[in-house]
Amino acid sequence: MGLLHLIFVLWNFRTLRRLYGRVNDASPGVMDQLWQQQSFTRRIDVALGPAVFTKLAMLMNLAVVNPDRLPVHLLGDEQIAKLVRALNDRGSASVYRVFCKSTGYN
């Protein structure tokens, strides 16, 4: 699954970087907390695969497959909500969801 994370992160790199930056500006330290909340196997799957951008891959998964796991106060920020919607409106989001569900990474 690590290679798939890399492909989808690269496909959505600009939006993910903007989302990552906005989350860090709005709530410093939240990305580290979200990373720590991931199960050990999820972190290993992302970190040991060829996904260079581990936190962006985690953010892609949270924003597209598991938006209910994002802290509510983040989604209250208009810019963050707009970027999450932009990720979900792309055609790659539905393909990413299918890959995550078929590999059990949901």
C-alpha atoms as a PDB file:
ATOM      1  CA  MET A   1       0.000   0.000   0.000  1.00  0.00           C
ATOM      2  CA  GLY A   2       2.987   2.319   0.497  1.00  0.00           C
ATOM      3  CA  LEU A   3       3.484   2.727  -3.254  1.00  0.00           C
ATOM      4  CA  LEU A   4      -0.193   3.608  -3.666  1.00  0.00           C
ATOM      5  CA  HIS A   5       0.111   6.235  -0.944  1.00  0.00           C
ATOM      6  CA  LEU A   6       3.032   7.763  -2.802  1.00  0.00           C
ATOM      7  CA  ILE A   7       1.134   7.849  -6.097  1.00  0.00           C
ATOM      8  CA  PHE A   8      -1.942   9.485  -4.603  1.00  0.00           C
ATOM      9  CA  VAL A   9       0.086  11.926  -2.516  1.00  0.00           C
ATOM     10  CA  LEU A  10       2.029  13.001  -5.602  1.00  0.00           C
ATOM     11  CA  TRP A  11      -1.224  13.235  -7.557  1.00  0.00           C
ATOM     12  CA  ASN A  12      -2.667  15.605  -4.917  1.00  0.00           C
ATOM     13  CA  PHE A  13       0.595  17.080  -3.637  1.00  0.00           C
ATOM     14  CA  ARG A  14      -0.235  20.764  -3.976  1.00  0.00           C
ATOM     15  CA  THR A  15      -3.592  20.533  -2.206  1.00  0.00           C
ATOM     16  CA  LEU A  16      -2.169  18.279   0.520  1.00  0.00           C
ATOM     17  CA  ARG A  17       0.740  20.676   1.184  1.00  0.00           C
ATOM     18  CA  ARG A  18      -1.676  23.585   1.472  1.00  0.00           C
ATOM     19  CA  LEU A  19      -3.920  21.573   3.792  1.00  0.00           C
ATOM     20  CA  TYR A  20      -0.949  20.454   5.896  1.00  0.00           C
ATOM     21  CA  GLY A  21       0.298  24.038   6.183  1.00  0.00           C
ATOM     22  CA  ARG A  22      -3.130  25.387   7.067  1.00  0.00           C
ATOM     23  CA  VAL A  23      -3.655  22.717   9.753  1.00  0.00           C
ATOM     24  CA  ASN A  24      -0.253  23.547  11.264  1.00  0.00           C
ATOM     25  CA  ASP A  25      -1.054  27.274  11.208  1.00  0.00           C
ATOM     26  CA  ALA A  26      -4.520  26.843  12.712  1.00  0.00           C
ATOM     27  CA  SER A  27      -3.533  24.287  15.360  1.00  0.00           C
ATOM     28  CA  PRO A  28       0.206  23.756  15.848  1.00  0.00           C
ATOM     29  CA  GLY A  29       1.050  20.210  16.885  1.00  0.00           C
ATOM     30  CA  VAL A  30      -2.186  18.636  15.662  1.00  0.00           C
ATOM     31  CA  MET A  31      -0.481  16.784  12.816  1.00  0.00           C
ATOM     32  CA  ASP A  32       1.897  15.145  15.287  1.00  0.00           C
ATOM     33  CA  GLN A  33      -1.060  14.201  17.497  1.00  0.00           C
ATOM     34  CA  LEU A  34      -2.928  12.730  14.534  1.00  0.00           C
ATOM     35  CA  TRP A  35       0.180  10.715  13.596  1.00  0.00           C
ATOM     36  CA  GLN A  36       0.477   9.379  17.167  1.00  0.00           C
ATOM     37  CA  GLN A  37      -3.209   8.378  17.155  1.00  0.00           C
ATOM     38  CA  GLN A  38      -2.683   6.115  14.149  1.00  0.00           C
ATOM     39  CA  SER A  39      -2.319   2.457  14.983  1.00  0.00           C
ATOM     40  CA  PHE A  40       1.132   0.914  14.833  1.00  0.00           C
ATOM     41  CA  THR A  41       0.310  -1.108  11.719  1.00  0.00           C
ATOM     42  CA  ARG A  42      -0.999   1.980   9.908  1.00  0.00           C
ATOM     43  CA  ARG A  43       2.173   3.906  10.688  1.00  0.00           C
ATOM     44  CA  ILE A  44       4.356   0.999   9.591  1.00  0.00           C
ATOM     45  CA  ASP A  45       2.394   0.595   6.356  1.00  0.00           C
ATOM     46  CA  VAL A  46       2.904   4.243   5.448  1.00  0.00           C
ATOM     47  CA  ALA A  47       6.431   4.707   6.825  1.00  0.00           C
ATOM     48  CA  LEU A  48       8.048   1.509   5.511  1.00  0.00           C
ATOM     49  CA  GLY A  49       6.550   1.737   2.072  1.00  0.00           C
ATOM     50  CA  PRO A  50       8.089   3.996  -0.524  1.00  0.00           C
ATOM     51  CA  ALA A  51       5.811   6.825   0.625  1.00  0.00           C
ATOM     52  CA  VAL A  52       8.297   9.594   1.285  1.00  0.00           C
ATOM     53  CA  PHE A  53       5.669  11.982   2.565  1.00  0.00           C
ATOM     54  CA  THR A  54       4.320   9.970   5.495  1.00  0.00           C
ATOM     55  CA  LYS A  55       2.272  12.704   7.152  1.00  0.00           C
ATOM     56  CA  LEU A  56       0.824  13.800   3.820  1.00  0.00           C
ATOM     57  CA  ALA A  57      -0.182  10.182   3.145  1.00  0.00           C
ATOM     58  CA  MET A  58      -1.832  10.048   6.565  1.00  0.00           C
ATOM     59  CA  LEU A  59      -3.593  13.340   5.863  1.00  0.00           C
ATOM     60  CA  MET A  60      -4.789  12.048   2.484  1.00  0.00           C
ATOM     61  CA  ASN A  61      -6.237   8.992   4.180  1.00  0.00           C
ATOM     62  CA  LEU A  62      -7.908  11.019   6.910  1.00  0.00           C
ATOM     63  CA  ALA A  63      -9.337  13.645   4.565  1.00  0.00           C
ATOM     64  CA  VAL A  64     -10.613  11.253   1.900  1.00  0.00           C
ATOM     65  CA  VAL A  65     -11.348   7.894   3.538  1.00  0.00           C
ATOM     66  CA  ASN A  66     -11.840   8.807   7.221  1.00  0.00           C
ATOM     67  CA  PRO A  67     -12.915  12.451   7.519  1.00  0.00           C
ATOM     68  CA  ASP A  68     -14.768  11.527  10.712  1.00  0.00           C
ATOM     69  CA  ARG A  69     -11.367  11.029  12.387  1.00  0.00           C
ATOM     70  CA  LEU A  70     -10.315  14.625  11.733  1.00  0.00           C
ATOM     71  CA  PRO A  71     -10.789  16.876  14.763  1.00  0.00           C
ATOM     72  CA  VAL A  72     -14.037  18.825  14.471  1.00  0.00           C
ATOM     73  CA  HIS A  73     -12.379  22.143  15.274  1.00  0.00           C
ATOM     74  CA  LEU A  74     -10.225  21.768  12.154  1.00  0.00           C
ATOM     75  CA  LEU A  75     -13.218  21.318   9.891  1.00  0.00           C
ATOM     76  CA  GLY A  76     -14.696  24.494  11.365  1.00  0.00           C
ATOM     77  CA  ASP A  77     -11.927  26.448   9.661  1.00  0.00           C
ATOM     78  CA  GLU A  78     -13.273  27.555   6.286  1.00  0.00           C
ATOM     79  CA  GLN A  79      -9.989  27.102   4.405  1.00  0.00           C
ATOM     80  CA  ILE A  80      -9.388  23.624   5.824  1.00  0.00           C
ATOM     81  CA  ALA A  81     -12.930  22.520   4.987  1.00  0.00           C
ATOM     82  CA  LYS A  82     -12.502  23.897   1.456  1.00  0.00           C
ATOM     83  CA  LEU A  83      -9.264  21.941   0.941  1.00  0.00           C
ATOM     84  CA  VAL A  84     -10.809  18.721   2.320  1.00  0.00           C
ATOM     85  CA  ARG A  85     -13.740  19.189  -0.069  1.00  0.00           C
ATOM     86  CA  ALA A  86     -11.325  19.795  -2.952  1.00  0.00           C
ATOM     87  CA  LEU A  87      -9.547  16.514  -2.206  1.00  0.00           C
ATOM     88  CA  ASN A  88     -12.850  14.642  -2.053  1.00  0.00           C
ATOM     89  CA  ASP A  89     -14.223  16.175  -5.260  1.00  0.00           C
ATOM     90  CA  ARG A  90     -11.364  14.901  -7.409  1.00  0.00           C
ATOM     91  CA  GLY A  91     -11.672  11.717  -9.408  1.00  0.00           C
ATOM     92  CA  SER A  92      -8.621  10.345  -7.651  1.00  0.00           C
ATOM     93  CA  ALA A  93     -10.533  10.340  -4.345  1.00  0.00           C
ATOM     94  CA  SER A  94     -12.950   7.633  -5.438  1.00  0.00           C
ATOM     95  CA  VAL A  95     -10.092   5.522  -6.818  1.00  0.00           C
ATOM     96  CA  TYR A  96      -8.148   6.025  -3.573  1.00  0.00           C
ATOM     97  CA  ARG A  97     -11.179   4.942  -1.507  1.00  0.00           C
ATOM     98  CA  VAL A  98     -11.526   1.760  -3.569  1.00  0.00           C
ATOM     99  CA  PHE A  99      -7.838   0.900  -3.136  1.00  0.00           C
ATOM    100  CA  CYS A 100      -7.967   1.578   0.615  1.00  0.00           C
ATOM    101  CA  LYS A 101     -11.062  -0.536   1.113  1.00  0.00           C
ATOM    102  CA  SER A 102      -9.759  -3.393  -1.031  1.00  0.00           C
ATOM    103  CA  THR A 103      -6.448  -3.521   0.860  1.00  0.00           C
ATOM    104  CA  GLY A 104      -8.054  -3.100   4.265  1.00  0.00           C
ATOM    105  CA  TYR A 105      -6.469   0.300   4.897  1.00  0.00           C
ATOM    106  CA  ASN A 106      -9.625   2.192   5.785  1.00  0.00           C
END
